[in-house]
């Protein structure tokens, strides 16, 4: 059995949850942008894809960081990593971009 298996599994599940959230938000945003009558700005689609990619990249770096911490011999605390706050802010920004797509579609 892998040492600290449940912690490693939780770390990977959290990473996959971030990826799933980004795929859902970006996919819905791009789909909503295609539904409107007026053509959207191409920069907004690139911004949506870029910020989604940034969230996935940060989630991957966070997963690697926590993997090393779990494998280490020091005790883990339950305090949130500052990267978590950044990722939440990026998800909020993705939702704001999604709202912008909806606003232009009206």
PDB file of N, CA and C in Angstrom:
ATOM      1  N   UNK A   1       0.839  -1.184   0.000  1.00  0.00           N
ATOM      2  CA  UNK A   1       0.000   0.000   0.000  1.00  0.00           C
ATOM      3  C   UNK A   1       0.883   1.245   0.000  1.00  0.00           C
ATOM      4  N   UNK A   2       0.484   2.239  -0.728  1.00  0.00           N
ATOM      5  CA  UNK A   2       1.215   3.504  -0.797  1.00  0.00           C
ATOM      6  C   UNK A   2       1.024   4.260   0.510  1.00  0.00           C
ATOM      7  N   UNK A   3       2.134   4.794   1.025  1.00  0.00           N
ATOM      8  CA  UNK A   3       2.060   5.572   2.261  1.00  0.00           C
ATOM      9  C   UNK A   3       1.253   6.843   1.994  1.00  0.00           C
ATOM     10  N   UNK A   4       0.354   7.171   2.909  1.00  0.00           N
ATOM     11  CA  UNK A   4      -0.530   8.339   2.796  1.00  0.00           C
ATOM     12  C   UNK A   4      -1.372   8.290   1.519  1.00  0.00           C
ATOM     13  N   UNK A   5      -1.842   7.090   1.201  1.00  0.00           N
ATOM     14  CA  UNK A   5      -2.608   6.917  -0.036  1.00  0.00           C
ATOM     15  C   UNK A   5      -3.841   7.811  -0.083  1.00  0.00           C
ATOM     16  N   UNK A   6      -4.574   7.904   1.012  1.00  0.00           N
ATOM     17  CA  UNK A   6      -5.806   8.701   0.996  1.00  0.00           C
ATOM     18  C   UNK A   6      -5.506  10.178   0.749  1.00  0.00           C
ATOM     19  N   UNK A   7      -4.381  10.668   1.281  1.00  0.00           N
ATOM     20  CA  UNK A   7      -4.007  12.062   1.034  1.00  0.00           C
ATOM     21  C   UNK A   7      -3.628  12.282  -0.429  1.00  0.00           C
ATOM     22  N   UNK A   8      -2.874  11.343  -0.997  1.00  0.00           N
ATOM     23  CA  UNK A   8      -2.500  11.456  -2.413  1.00  0.00           C
ATOM     24  C   UNK A   8      -3.737  11.379  -3.313  1.00  0.00           C
ATOM     25  N   UNK A   9      -4.648  10.475  -2.977  1.00  0.00           N
ATOM     26  CA  UNK A   9      -5.865  10.341  -3.781  1.00  0.00           C
ATOM     27  C   UNK A   9      -6.717  11.606  -3.690  1.00  0.00           C
ATOM     28  N   UNK A  10      -6.813  12.185  -2.503  1.00  0.00           N
ATOM     29  CA  UNK A  10      -7.570  13.431  -2.348  1.00  0.00           C
ATOM     30  C   UNK A  10      -6.925  14.563  -3.138  1.00  0.00           C
ATOM     31  N   UNK A  11      -5.606  14.601  -3.160  1.00  0.00           N
ATOM     32  CA  UNK A  11      -4.888  15.619  -3.920  1.00  0.00           C
ATOM     33  C   UNK A  11      -5.196  15.491  -5.414  1.00  0.00           C
ATOM     34  N   UNK A  12      -5.176  14.276  -5.931  1.00  0.00           N
ATOM     35  CA  UNK A  12      -5.468  14.072  -7.352  1.00  0.00           C
ATOM     36  C   UNK A  12      -6.929  14.357  -7.670  1.00  0.00           C
ATOM     37  N   UNK A  13      -7.838  13.997  -6.769  1.00  0.00           N
ATOM     38  CA  UNK A  13      -9.255  14.303  -6.994  1.00  0.00           C
ATOM     39  C   UNK A  13      -9.492  15.807  -7.035  1.00  0.00           C
ATOM     40  N   UNK A  14      -8.790  16.541  -6.181  1.00  0.00           N
ATOM     41  CA  UNK A  14      -8.931  17.997  -6.181  1.00  0.00           C
ATOM     42  C   UNK A  14      -8.431  18.579  -7.496  1.00  0.00           C
ATOM     43  N   UNK A  15      -7.301  18.086  -7.978  1.00  0.00           N
ATOM     44  CA  UNK A  15      -6.782  18.547  -9.271  1.00  0.00           C
ATOM     45  C   UNK A  15      -7.793  18.274 -10.384  1.00  0.00           C
ATOM     46  N   UNK A  16      -8.339  17.074 -10.403  1.00  0.00           N
ATOM     47  CA  UNK A  16      -9.305  16.731 -11.447  1.00  0.00           C
ATOM     48  C   UNK A  16     -10.580  17.557 -11.328  1.00  0.00           C
ATOM     49  N   UNK A  17     -10.954  17.934 -10.114  1.00  0.00           N
ATOM     50  CA  UNK A  17     -12.122  18.799  -9.934  1.00  0.00           C
ATOM     51  C   UNK A  17     -11.869  20.187 -10.521  1.00  0.00           C
ATOM     52  N   UNK A  18     -10.649  20.708 -10.338  1.00  0.00           N
ATOM     53  CA  UNK A  18     -10.308  22.004 -10.946  1.00  0.00           C
ATOM     54  C   UNK A  18     -10.364  21.906 -12.464  1.00  0.00           C
ATOM     55  N   UNK A  19      -9.825  20.830 -13.018  1.00  0.00           N
ATOM     56  CA  UNK A  19      -9.832  20.649 -14.476  1.00  0.00           C
ATOM     57  C   UNK A  19     -11.266  20.539 -14.981  1.00  0.00           C
ATOM     58  N   UNK A  20     -12.092  19.779 -14.295  1.00  0.00           N
ATOM     59  CA  UNK A  20     -13.493  19.623 -14.691  1.00  0.00           C
ATOM     60  C   UNK A  20     -14.228  20.961 -14.659  1.00  0.00           C
ATOM     61  N   UNK A  21     -13.971  21.765 -13.631  1.00  0.00           N
ATOM     62  CA  UNK A  21     -14.619  23.071 -13.524  1.00  0.00           C
ATOM     63  C   UNK A  21     -14.213  23.977 -14.674  1.00  0.00           C
ATOM     64  N   UNK A  22     -12.932  23.987 -14.995  1.00  0.00           N
ATOM     65  CA  UNK A  22     -12.455  24.833 -16.098  1.00  0.00           C
ATOM     66  C   UNK A  22     -13.059  24.381 -17.421  1.00  0.00           C
ATOM     67  N   UNK A  23     -13.098  23.083 -17.660  1.00  0.00           N
ATOM     68  CA  UNK A  23     -13.670  22.577 -18.911  1.00  0.00           C
ATOM     69  C   UNK A  23     -15.138  22.971 -19.020  1.00  0.00           C
ATOM     70  N   UNK A  24     -15.872  22.865 -17.926  1.00  0.00           N
ATOM     71  CA  UNK A  24     -17.291  23.215 -17.949  1.00  0.00           C
ATOM     72  C   UNK A  24     -17.496  24.702 -18.204  1.00  0.00           C
ATOM     73  N   UNK A  25     -16.763  25.545 -17.499  1.00  0.00           N
ATOM     74  CA  UNK A  25     -16.951  26.992 -17.637  1.00  0.00           C
ATOM     75  C   UNK A  25     -16.515  27.467 -19.021  1.00  0.00           C
ATOM     76  N   UNK A  26     -15.345  27.035 -19.470  1.00  0.00           N
ATOM     77  CA  UNK A  26     -14.849  27.462 -20.779  1.00  0.00           C
ATOM     78  C   UNK A  26     -15.739  26.906 -21.891  1.00  0.00           C
ATOM     79  N   UNK A  27     -16.119  25.656 -21.785  1.00  0.00           N
ATOM     80  CA  UNK A  27     -16.987  25.068 -22.809  1.00  0.00           C
ATOM     81  C   UNK A  27     -18.333  25.754 -22.891  1.00  0.00           C
ATOM     82  N   UNK A  28     -18.925  26.046 -21.745  1.00  0.00           N
ATOM     83  CA  UNK A  28     -20.210  26.739 -21.738  1.00  0.00           C
ATOM     84  C   UNK A  28     -20.063  28.154 -22.280  1.00  0.00           C
ATOM     85  N   UNK A  29     -18.976  28.812 -21.919  1.00  0.00           N
ATOM     86  CA  UNK A  29     -18.744  30.178 -22.397  1.00  0.00           C
ATOM     87  C   UNK A  29     -18.559  30.239 -23.899  1.00  0.00           C
ATOM     88  N   UNK A  30     -17.774  29.328 -24.431  1.00  0.00           N
ATOM     89  CA  UNK A  30     -17.567  29.315 -25.881  1.00  0.00           C
ATOM     90  C   UNK A  30     -18.842  28.923 -26.622  1.00  0.00           C
ATOM     91  N   UNK A  31     -19.592  28.004 -26.039  1.00  0.00           N
ATOM     92  CA  UNK A  31     -20.870  27.635 -26.651  1.00  0.00           C
ATOM     93  C   UNK A  31     -21.862  28.780 -26.624  1.00  0.00           C
ATOM     94  N   UNK A  32     -21.918  29.499 -25.521  1.00  0.00           N
ATOM     95  CA  UNK A  32     -22.823  30.643 -25.416  1.00  0.00           C
ATOM     96  C   UNK A  32     -22.410  31.750 -26.369  1.00  0.00           C
ATOM     97  N   UNK A  33     -21.125  31.898 -26.596  1.00  0.00           N
ATOM     98  CA  UNK A  33     -20.650  32.936 -27.515  1.00  0.00           C
ATOM     99  C   UNK A  33     -21.086  32.640 -28.944  1.00  0.00           C
ATOM    100  N   UNK A  34     -21.209  31.379 -29.284  1.00  0.00           N
ATOM    101  CA  UNK A  34     -21.602  31.004 -30.647  1.00  0.00           C
ATOM    102  C   UNK A  34     -23.112  31.132 -30.873  1.00  0.00           C
ATOM    103  N   UNK A  35     -23.900  31.192 -29.794  1.00  0.00           N
ATOM    104  CA  UNK A  35     -25.350  31.226 -29.931  1.00  0.00           C
ATOM    105  C   UNK A  35     -25.890  32.608 -30.278  1.00  0.00           C
ATOM    106  N   UNK A  36     -25.185  33.648 -29.916  1.00  0.00           N
ATOM    107  CA  UNK A  36     -25.682  35.005 -30.131  1.00  0.00           C
ATOM    108  C   UNK A  36     -25.735  35.388 -31.601  1.00  0.00           C
ATOM    109  N   UNK A  37     -26.546  36.404 -31.899  1.00  0.00           N
ATOM    110  CA  UNK A  37     -26.657  36.898 -33.274  1.00  0.00           C
ATOM    111  C   UNK A  37     -25.465  37.754 -33.663  1.00  0.00           C
ATOM    112  N   UNK A  38     -25.019  38.595 -32.735  1.00  0.00           N
ATOM    113  CA  UNK A  38     -23.892  39.482 -33.024  1.00  0.00           C
ATOM    114  C   UNK A  38     -22.586  38.721 -32.834  1.00  0.00           C
ATOM    115  N   UNK A  39     -21.639  38.904 -33.749  1.00  0.00           N
ATOM    116  CA  UNK A  39     -20.350  38.226 -33.562  1.00  0.00           C
ATOM    117  C   UNK A  39     -19.607  38.806 -32.365  1.00  0.00           C
ATOM    118  N   UNK A  40     -19.037  37.936 -31.582  1.00  0.00           N
ATOM    119  CA  UNK A  40     -18.289  38.376 -30.405  1.00  0.00           C
ATOM    120  C   UNK A  40     -16.882  38.812 -30.772  1.00  0.00           C
ATOM    121  N   UNK A  41     -16.237  39.434 -29.826  1.00  0.00           N
ATOM    122  CA  UNK A  41     -14.851  39.844 -30.038  1.00  0.00           C
ATOM    123  C   UNK A  41     -13.945  38.623 -29.912  1.00  0.00           C
ATOM    124  N   UNK A  42     -13.035  38.417 -30.848  1.00  0.00           N
ATOM    125  CA  UNK A  42     -12.149  37.249 -30.755  1.00  0.00           C
ATOM    126  C   UNK A  42     -11.241  37.307 -29.536  1.00  0.00           C
ATOM    127  N   UNK A  43     -10.906  38.501 -29.051  1.00  0.00           N
ATOM    128  CA  UNK A  43     -10.027  38.594 -27.887  1.00  0.00           C
ATOM    129  C   UNK A  43     -10.694  38.015 -26.654  1.00  0.00           C
ATOM    130  N   UNK A  44     -12.026  38.097 -26.575  1.00  0.00           N
ATOM    131  CA  UNK A  44     -12.698  37.566 -25.391  1.00  0.00           C
ATOM    132  C   UNK A  44     -12.628  36.041 -25.356  1.00  0.00           C
ATOM    133  N   UNK A  45     -12.695  35.407 -26.513  1.00  0.00           N
ATOM    134  CA  UNK A  45     -12.564  33.952 -26.547  1.00  0.00           C
ATOM    135  C   UNK A  45     -11.145  33.527 -26.182  1.00  0.00           C
ATOM    136  N   UNK A  46     -10.166  34.256 -26.684  1.00  0.00           N
ATOM    137  CA  UNK A  46      -8.779  33.950 -26.330  1.00  0.00           C
ATOM    138  C   UNK A  46      -8.528  34.193 -24.847  1.00  0.00           C
ATOM    139  N   UNK A  47      -9.141  35.231 -24.304  1.00  0.00           N
ATOM    140  CA  UNK A  47      -9.000  35.520 -22.878  1.00  0.00           C
ATOM    141  C   UNK A  47      -9.621  34.414 -22.036  1.00  0.00           C
ATOM    142  N   UNK A  48     -10.768  33.922 -22.459  1.00  0.00           N
ATOM    143  CA  UNK A  48     -11.427  32.829 -21.749  1.00  0.00           C
ATOM    144  C   UNK A  48     -10.578  31.564 -21.800  1.00  0.00           C
ATOM    145  N   UNK A  49     -10.061  31.220 -22.973  1.00  0.00           N
ATOM    146  CA  UNK A  49      -9.212  30.032 -23.096  1.00  0.00           C
ATOM    147  C   UNK A  49      -7.897  30.198 -22.339  1.00  0.00           C
ATOM    148  N   UNK A  50      -7.317  31.390 -22.412  1.00  0.00           N
ATOM    149  CA  UNK A  50      -6.051  31.639 -21.714  1.00  0.00           C
ATOM    150  C   UNK A  50      -6.192  31.568 -20.210  1.00  0.00           C
ATOM    151  N   UNK A  51      -7.255  32.170 -19.676  1.00  0.00           N
ATOM    152  CA  UNK A  51      -7.428  32.124 -18.224  1.00  0.00           C
ATOM    153  C   UNK A  51      -7.787  30.714 -17.766  1.00  0.00           C
ATOM    154  N   UNK A  52      -8.535  29.981 -18.578  1.00  0.00           N
ATOM    155  CA  UNK A  52      -8.814  28.583 -18.244  1.00  0.00           C
ATOM    156  C   UNK A  52      -7.546  27.746 -18.236  1.00  0.00           C
ATOM    157  N   UNK A  53      -6.677  27.983 -19.204  1.00  0.00           N
ATOM    158  CA  UNK A  53      -5.397  27.271 -19.244  1.00  0.00           C
ATOM    159  C   UNK A  53      -4.526  27.630 -18.053  1.00  0.00           C
ATOM    160  N   UNK A  54      -4.586  28.886 -17.647  1.00  0.00           N
ATOM    161  CA  UNK A  54      -3.815  29.323 -16.483  1.00  0.00           C
ATOM    162  C   UNK A  54      -4.299  28.629 -15.215  1.00  0.00           C
ATOM    163  N   UNK A  55      -5.606  28.471 -15.062  1.00  0.00           N
ATOM    164  CA  UNK A  55      -6.140  27.773 -13.890  1.00  0.00           C
ATOM    165  C   UNK A  55      -5.675  26.322 -13.881  1.00  0.00           C
ATOM    166  N   UNK A  56      -5.701  25.653 -15.029  1.00  0.00           N
ATOM    167  CA  UNK A  56      -5.249  24.256 -15.094  1.00  0.00           C
ATOM    168  C   UNK A  56      -3.763  24.163 -14.773  1.00  0.00           C
ATOM    169  N   UNK A  57      -2.968  25.087 -15.283  1.00  0.00           N
ATOM    170  CA  UNK A  57      -1.534  25.087 -14.997  1.00  0.00           C
ATOM    171  C   UNK A  57      -1.266  25.301 -13.507  1.00  0.00           C
ATOM    172  N   UNK A  58      -1.948  26.253 -12.904  1.00  0.00           N
ATOM    173  CA  UNK A  58      -1.766  26.503 -11.470  1.00  0.00           C
ATOM    174  C   UNK A  58      -2.244  25.302 -10.659  1.00  0.00           C
ATOM    175  N   UNK A  59      -3.344  24.675 -11.078  1.00  0.00           N
ATOM    176  CA  UNK A  59      -3.829  23.486 -10.377  1.00  0.00           C
ATOM    177  C   UNK A  59      -2.808  22.357 -10.452  1.00  0.00           C
ATOM    178  N   UNK A  60      -2.144  22.219 -11.596  1.00  0.00           N
ATOM    179  CA  UNK A  60      -1.126  21.180 -11.747  1.00  0.00           C
ATOM    180  C   UNK A  60       0.074  21.453 -10.848  1.00  0.00           C
ATOM    181  N   UNK A  61       0.527  22.702 -10.820  1.00  0.00           N
ATOM    182  CA  UNK A  61       1.654  23.063  -9.955  1.00  0.00           C
ATOM    183  C   UNK A  61       1.280  22.850  -8.491  1.00  0.00           C
ATOM    184  N   UNK A  62       0.042  23.197  -8.128  1.00  0.00           N
ATOM    185  CA  UNK A  62      -0.435  22.992  -6.754  1.00  0.00           C
ATOM    186  C   UNK A  62      -0.440  21.505  -6.406  1.00  0.00           C
ATOM    187  N   UNK A  63      -0.887  20.666  -7.349  1.00  0.00           N
ATOM    188  CA  UNK A  63      -0.915  19.231  -7.093  1.00  0.00           C
ATOM    189  C   UNK A  63       0.495  18.692  -6.860  1.00  0.00           C
ATOM    190  N   UNK A  64       1.453  19.127  -7.679  1.00  0.00           N
ATOM    191  CA  UNK A  64       2.837  18.676  -7.491  1.00  0.00           C
ATOM    192  C   UNK A  64       3.400  19.149  -6.156  1.00  0.00           C
ATOM    193  N   UNK A  65       3.111  20.399  -5.793  1.00  0.00           N
ATOM    194  CA  UNK A  65       3.575  20.951  -4.521  1.00  0.00           C
ATOM    195  C   UNK A  65       3.016  20.150  -3.346  1.00  0.00           C
ATOM    196  N   UNK A  66       1.714  19.878  -3.382  1.00  0.00           N
ATOM    197  CA  UNK A  66       1.109  19.122  -2.286  1.00  0.00           C
ATOM    198  C   UNK A  66       1.568  17.669  -2.281  1.00  0.00           C
ATOM    199  N   UNK A  67       1.861  17.112  -3.449  1.00  0.00           N
ATOM    200  CA  UNK A  67       2.372  15.738  -3.497  1.00  0.00           C
ATOM    201  C   UNK A  67       3.701  15.641  -2.749  1.00  0.00           C
ATOM    202  N   UNK A  68       4.568  16.639  -2.961  1.00  0.00           N
ATOM    203  CA  UNK A  68       5.852  16.644  -2.243  1.00  0.00           C
ATOM    204  C   UNK A  68       5.648  16.846  -0.748  1.00  0.00           C
ATOM    205  N   UNK A  69       4.697  17.696  -0.388  1.00  0.00           N
ATOM    206  CA  UNK A  69       4.429  17.917   1.038  1.00  0.00           C
ATOM    207  C   UNK A  69       3.863  16.666   1.694  1.00  0.00           C
ATOM    208  N   UNK A  70       2.993  15.956   0.988  1.00  0.00           N
ATOM    209  CA  UNK A  70       2.415  14.733   1.547  1.00  0.00           C
ATOM    210  C   UNK A  70       3.495  13.670   1.706  1.00  0.00           C
ATOM    211  N   UNK A  71       4.388  13.559   0.736  1.00  0.00           N
ATOM    212  CA  UNK A  71       5.453  12.560   0.785  1.00  0.00           C
ATOM    213  C   UNK A  71       6.521  12.914   1.815  1.00  0.00           C
ATOM    214  N   UNK A  72       6.591  14.186   2.222  1.00  0.00           N
ATOM    215  CA  UNK A  72       7.585  14.609   3.209  1.00  0.00           C
ATOM    216  C   UNK A  72       7.265  14.078   4.592  1.00  0.00           C
ATOM    217  N   UNK A  73       8.212  14.271   5.492  1.00  0.00           N
ATOM    218  CA  UNK A  73       8.058  13.732   6.839  1.00  0.00           C
ATOM    219  C   UNK A  73       7.417  14.715   7.808  1.00  0.00           C
ATOM    220  N   UNK A  74       7.224  15.967   7.388  1.00  0.00           N
ATOM    221  CA  UNK A  74       6.628  16.946   8.289  1.00  0.00           C
ATOM    222  C   UNK A  74       5.116  16.795   8.303  1.00  0.00           C
ATOM    223  N   UNK A  75       4.524  17.180   9.406  1.00  0.00           N
ATOM    224  CA  UNK A  75       3.072  17.110   9.532  1.00  0.00           C
ATOM    225  C   UNK A  75       2.428  18.183   8.652  1.00  0.00           C
ATOM    226  N   UNK A  76       1.297  17.836   8.082  1.00  0.00           N
ATOM    227  CA  UNK A  76       0.587  18.773   7.215  1.00  0.00           C
ATOM    228  C   UNK A  76      -0.430  19.547   8.036  1.00  0.00           C
ATOM    229  N   UNK A  77      -0.524  20.841   7.771  1.00  0.00           N
ATOM    230  CA  UNK A  77      -1.560  21.634   8.420  1.00  0.00           C
ATOM    231  C   UNK A  77      -2.731  21.793   7.448  1.00  0.00           C
ATOM    232  N   UNK A  78      -3.856  22.220   7.979  1.00  0.00           N
ATOM    233  CA  UNK A  78      -5.051  22.357   7.155  1.00  0.00           C
ATOM    234  C   UNK A  78      -5.235  23.768   6.617  1.00  0.00           C
ATOM    235  N   UNK A  79      -4.251  24.629   6.798  1.00  0.00           N
ATOM    236  CA  UNK A  79      -4.368  25.998   6.305  1.00  0.00           C
ATOM    237  C   UNK A  79      -4.356  25.999   4.779  1.00  0.00           C
ATOM    238  N   UNK A  80      -5.136  26.893   4.213  1.00  0.00           N
ATOM    239  CA  UNK A  80      -5.212  26.990   2.751  1.00  0.00           C
ATOM    240  C   UNK A  80      -3.922  27.567   2.196  1.00  0.00           C
ATOM    241  N   UNK A  81      -3.510  27.028   1.105  1.00  0.00           N
ATOM    242  CA  UNK A  81      -2.326  27.521   0.408  1.00  0.00           C
ATOM    243  C   UNK A  81      -2.729  28.806  -0.331  1.00  0.00           C
ATOM    244  N   UNK A  82      -1.865  29.835  -0.371  1.00  0.00           N
ATOM    245  CA  UNK A  82      -2.232  31.065  -1.100  1.00  0.00           C
ATOM    246  C   UNK A  82      -2.579  30.823  -2.567  1.00  0.00           C
ATOM    247  N   UNK A  83      -2.074  29.751  -3.130  1.00  0.00           N
ATOM    248  CA  UNK A  83      -2.399  29.428  -4.517  1.00  0.00           C
ATOM    249  C   UNK A  83      -3.885  29.118  -4.650  1.00  0.00           C
ATOM    250  N   UNK A  84      -4.474  28.530  -3.616  1.00  0.00           N
ATOM    251  CA  UNK A  84      -5.906  28.238  -3.655  1.00  0.00           C
ATOM    252  C   UNK A  84      -6.717  29.511  -3.823  1.00  0.00           C
ATOM    253  N   UNK A  85      -6.320  30.564  -3.124  1.00  0.00           N
ATOM    254  CA  UNK A  85      -7.016  31.843  -3.239  1.00  0.00           C
ATOM    255  C   UNK A  85      -6.887  32.391  -4.657  1.00  0.00           C
ATOM    256  N   UNK A  86      -5.708  32.279  -5.231  1.00  0.00           N
ATOM    257  CA  UNK A  86      -5.499  32.742  -6.604  1.00  0.00           C
ATOM    258  C   UNK A  86      -6.363  31.958  -7.580  1.00  0.00           C
ATOM    259  N   UNK A  87      -6.454  30.660  -7.390  1.00  0.00           N
ATOM    260  CA  UNK A  87      -7.255  29.843  -8.292  1.00  0.00           C
ATOM    261  C   UNK A  87      -8.735  30.187  -8.173  1.00  0.00           C
ATOM    262  N   UNK A  88      -9.195  30.441  -6.965  1.00  0.00           N
ATOM    263  CA  UNK A  88     -10.595  30.824  -6.789  1.00  0.00           C
ATOM    264  C   UNK A  88     -10.865  32.160  -7.476  1.00  0.00           C
ATOM    265  N   UNK A  89      -9.930  33.096  -7.366  1.00  0.00           N
ATOM    266  CA  UNK A  89     -10.093  34.386  -8.046  1.00  0.00           C
ATOM    267  C   UNK A  89     -10.112  34.214  -9.564  1.00  0.00           C
ATOM    268  N   UNK A  90      -9.303  33.309 -10.074  1.00  0.00           N
ATOM    269  CA  UNK A  90      -9.312  33.057 -11.520  1.00  0.00           C
ATOM    270  C   UNK A  90     -10.625  32.421 -11.974  1.00  0.00           C
ATOM    271  N   UNK A  91     -11.183  31.546 -11.164  1.00  0.00           N
ATOM    272  CA  UNK A  91     -12.483  30.957 -11.505  1.00  0.00           C
ATOM    273  C   UNK A  91     -13.561  32.033 -11.499  1.00  0.00           C
ATOM    274  N   UNK A  92     -13.496  32.949 -10.526  1.00  0.00           N
ATOM    275  CA  UNK A  92     -14.448  34.067 -10.505  1.00  0.00           C
ATOM    276  C   UNK A  92     -14.287  34.908 -11.772  1.00  0.00           C
ATOM    277  N   UNK A  93     -13.044  35.118 -12.206  1.00  0.00           N
ATOM    278  CA  UNK A  93     -12.806  35.862 -13.446  1.00  0.00           C
ATOM    279  C   UNK A  93     -13.379  35.117 -14.649  1.00  0.00           C
ATOM    280  N   UNK A  94     -13.282  33.795 -14.645  1.00  0.00           N
ATOM    281  CA  UNK A  94     -13.871  33.016 -15.738  1.00  0.00           C
ATOM    282  C   UNK A  94     -15.385  33.181 -15.769  1.00  0.00           C
ATOM    283  N   UNK A  95     -16.011  33.171 -14.590  1.00  0.00           N
ATOM    284  CA  UNK A  95     -17.454  33.387 -14.541  1.00  0.00           C
ATOM    285  C   UNK A  95     -17.811  34.796 -15.003  1.00  0.00           C
ATOM    286  N   UNK A  96     -16.962  35.778 -14.696  1.00  0.00           N
ATOM    287  CA  UNK A  96     -17.203  37.143 -15.171  1.00  0.00           C
ATOM    288  C   UNK A  96     -17.121  37.195 -16.696  1.00  0.00           C
ATOM    289  N   UNK A  97     -16.154  36.495 -17.270  1.00  0.00           N
ATOM    290  CA  UNK A  97     -16.071  36.425 -18.730  1.00  0.00           C
ATOM    291  C   UNK A  97     -17.289  35.725 -19.319  1.00  0.00           C
ATOM    292  N   UNK A  98     -17.746  34.703 -18.633  1.00  0.00           N
ATOM    293  CA  UNK A  98     -18.937  33.995 -19.079  1.00  0.00           C
ATOM    294  C   UNK A  98     -20.144  34.922 -19.053  1.00  0.00           C
ATOM    295  N   UNK A  99     -20.256  35.738 -18.012  1.00  0.00           N
ATOM    296  CA  UNK A  99     -21.348  36.708 -17.930  1.00  0.00           C
ATOM    297  C   UNK A  99     -21.237  37.743 -19.043  1.00  0.00           C
ATOM    298  N   UNK A 100     -20.015  38.108 -19.399  1.00  0.00           N
ATOM    299  CA  UNK A 100     -19.810  39.054 -20.495  1.00  0.00           C
ATOM    300  C   UNK A 100     -20.305  38.466 -21.812  1.00  0.00           C
ATOM    301  N   UNK A 101     -20.046  37.184 -22.029  1.00  0.00           N
ATOM    302  CA  UNK A 101     -20.558  36.531 -23.232  1.00  0.00           C
ATOM    303  C   UNK A 101     -22.084  36.563 -23.244  1.00  0.00           C
ATOM    304  N   UNK A 102     -22.682  36.273 -22.099  1.00  0.00           N
ATOM    305  CA  UNK A 102     -24.139  36.309 -22.009  1.00  0.00           C
ATOM    306  C   UNK A 102     -24.696  37.699 -22.245  1.00  0.00           C
ATOM    307  N   UNK A 103     -24.006  38.697 -21.756  1.00  0.00           N
ATOM    308  CA  UNK A 103     -24.449  40.082 -21.923  1.00  0.00           C
ATOM    309  C   UNK A 103     -24.421  40.481 -23.397  1.00  0.00           C
ATOM    310  N   UNK A 104     -23.386  40.075 -24.123  1.00  0.00           N
ATOM    311  CA  UNK A 104     -23.279  40.421 -25.540  1.00  0.00           C
ATOM    312  C   UNK A 104     -24.272  39.639 -26.392  1.00  0.00           C
ATOM    313  N   UNK A 105     -24.701  38.487 -25.901  1.00  0.00           N
ATOM    314  CA  UNK A 105     -25.639  37.675 -26.672  1.00  0.00           C
ATOM    315  C   UNK A 105     -27.049  38.253 -26.640  1.00  0.00           C
ATOM    316  N   UNK A 106     -27.335  39.107 -25.655  1.00  0.00           N
ATOM    317  CA  UNK A 106     -28.691  39.678 -25.558  1.00  0.00           C
ATOM    318  C   UNK A 106     -28.982  40.677 -26.626  1.00  0.00           C
TER     319      UNK A 106
END
